[in-house]
Amino acid sequence: MILKRLTDYLDENKIKYVVIHHSPAFTAREVAVSAHIPKQEVAKTVIVKLNEKPIMAVLPASQMVDFAQLRRMLGADSAVLATEREFNSLFPNCEIGAMPPFGNLFTWTSSLLNR
């Protein structure tokens, strides 16, 4: 269902893409290795609590979130990694860790951005 929603979105916006199937993986780095793609070319989605509100950060699989820099860049008082338990309900149709880096495909994102 999520893949269809994503490919429909890309098709509607005339964005070229290739669907790559890979063996099960638990990290973006493992996906890169499994799909034979350089880690810096694979995006990973990270949910961060910025001033206690969830935000989606998308970065190369080869990188880690610099919470201090993120806090400074966005003028926030706090920025911490959200736990799976804290964001699981935000992605009801995704497996944990398999959230696509397209927040606008989920209704919660647009409501958070409008606050």
Protein backbone atom coordinates (compact mmCIF):
# COMPACT_ATOMS: atom_id res chain seq x y z
CA MET A 1 0.00 0.00 0.00
CA ILE A 2 2.78 2.46 0.91
CA LEU A 3 4.79 1.57 -2.19
CA LYS A 4 1.72 2.19 -4.36
CA ARG A 5 1.04 5.52 -2.66
CA LEU A 6 4.67 6.50 -3.18
CA THR A 7 4.88 5.42 -6.83
CA ASP A 8 1.55 7.15 -7.56
CA TYR A 9 2.93 10.34 -6.02
CA LEU A 10 6.14 10.12 -8.06
CA ASP A 11 4.22 9.33 -11.24
CA GLU A 12 1.78 12.24 -10.71
CA ASN A 13 4.74 14.59 -10.30
CA LYS A 14 6.58 13.12 -13.31
CA ILE A 15 9.58 12.10 -11.20
CA LYS A 16 11.80 9.37 -12.59
CA TYR A 17 12.58 6.50 -10.24
CA VAL A 18 13.57 2.86 -10.08
CA VAL A 19 12.11 0.42 -7.57
CA ILE A 20 14.87 -1.73 -6.13
CA HIS A 21 13.93 -4.88 -4.26
CA HIS A 22 16.34 -6.08 -1.60
CA SER A 23 16.51 -8.66 1.12
CA PRO A 24 15.18 -7.65 4.53
CA ALA A 25 17.40 -5.13 6.28
CA PHE A 26 17.15 -3.28 9.59
CA THR A 27 19.23 -0.20 8.85
CA ALA A 28 19.64 2.10 5.85
CA ARG A 29 23.27 1.00 5.67
CA GLU A 30 22.19 -2.63 5.39
CA VAL A 31 19.75 -1.65 2.61
CA ALA A 32 22.61 0.05 0.74
CA VAL A 33 24.82 -3.03 1.04
CA SER A 34 22.00 -5.40 0.06
CA ALA A 35 21.04 -3.29 -2.97
CA HIS A 36 24.69 -2.66 -3.95
CA ILE A 37 24.28 1.11 -3.68
CA PRO A 38 26.84 3.45 -2.07
CA LYS A 39 25.68 4.38 1.47
CA GLN A 40 25.88 8.10 0.72
CA GLU A 41 23.31 7.60 -2.09
CA VAL A 42 20.68 5.98 0.14
CA ALA A 43 18.42 8.23 2.20
CA LYS A 44 17.28 7.30 5.67
CA THR A 45 14.36 8.72 7.56
CA VAL A 46 14.87 9.67 11.19
CA ILE A 47 12.14 10.94 13.49
CA VAL A 48 13.37 13.61 15.88
CA LYS A 49 11.50 15.26 18.72
CA LEU A 50 12.14 18.97 18.22
CA ASN A 51 10.83 20.87 21.25
CA GLU A 52 8.79 17.71 22.01
CA LYS A 53 7.11 17.70 18.56
CA PRO A 54 7.97 14.99 16.03
CA ILE A 55 9.70 16.06 12.84
CA MET A 56 11.07 14.00 9.99
CA ALA A 57 14.75 14.35 9.10
CA VAL A 58 16.07 12.76 5.92
CA LEU A 59 19.80 12.26 5.51
CA PRO A 60 22.30 10.00 3.75
CA ALA A 61 22.55 6.53 5.27
CA SER A 62 26.25 7.18 5.84
CA GLN A 63 25.56 10.13 8.18
CA MET A 64 24.34 10.58 11.75
CA VAL A 65 22.05 13.35 13.00
CA ASP A 66 23.99 16.18 14.64
CA PHE A 67 21.38 17.14 17.24
CA ALA A 68 23.24 20.26 18.41
CA GLN A 69 23.51 21.56 14.85
CA LEU A 70 19.87 20.69 14.12
CA ARG A 71 18.79 22.54 17.26
CA ARG A 72 20.83 25.63 16.27
CA MET A 73 19.66 25.58 12.64
CA LEU A 74 15.99 25.35 13.58
CA GLY A 75 16.15 27.59 16.65
CA ALA A 76 14.90 24.86 18.95
CA ASP A 77 15.49 24.39 22.65
CA SER A 78 15.69 20.60 22.39
CA ALA A 79 16.26 17.98 19.72
CA VAL A 80 16.40 14.28 20.58
CA LEU A 81 15.86 11.04 18.70
CA ALA A 82 12.27 9.85 19.04
CA THR A 83 11.75 6.29 20.20
CA GLU A 84 9.90 3.80 18.02
CA ARG A 85 7.11 3.79 20.56
CA GLU A 86 6.76 7.58 20.25
CA PHE A 87 6.36 7.61 16.46
CA ASN A 88 4.97 4.18 15.59
CA SER A 89 1.38 5.48 15.47
CA LEU A 90 2.39 8.25 13.03
CA PHE A 91 3.06 5.63 10.33
CA PRO A 92 0.27 3.08 10.75
CA ASN A 93 0.86 1.41 7.37
CA CYS A 94 4.64 1.11 7.63
CA GLU A 95 6.88 -1.35 9.35
CA ILE A 96 9.05 0.25 12.02
CA GLY A 97 12.10 1.74 10.36
CA ALA A 98 10.56 1.58 6.88
CA MET A 99 9.05 5.05 6.74
CA PRO A 100 9.56 6.63 3.34
CA PRO A 101 11.23 10.06 3.29
CA PHE A 102 8.06 11.63 1.88
CA GLY A 103 6.22 13.02 4.91
CA ASN A 104 3.57 14.63 2.73
CA LEU A 105 2.17 11.17 1.98
CA PHE A 106 0.95 10.97 5.56
CA THR A 107 -1.79 13.19 6.92
CA TRP A 108 -0.04 13.75 10.27
CA THR A 109 2.84 15.60 8.58
CA SER A 110 0.78 18.33 6.98
CA SER A 111 -1.11 18.95 10.22
CA LEU A 112 2.17 19.25 12.15
CA LEU A 113 3.65 21.62 9.59
CA ASN A 114 0.64 23.92 9.82
CA ARG A 115 1.06 24.47 13.57
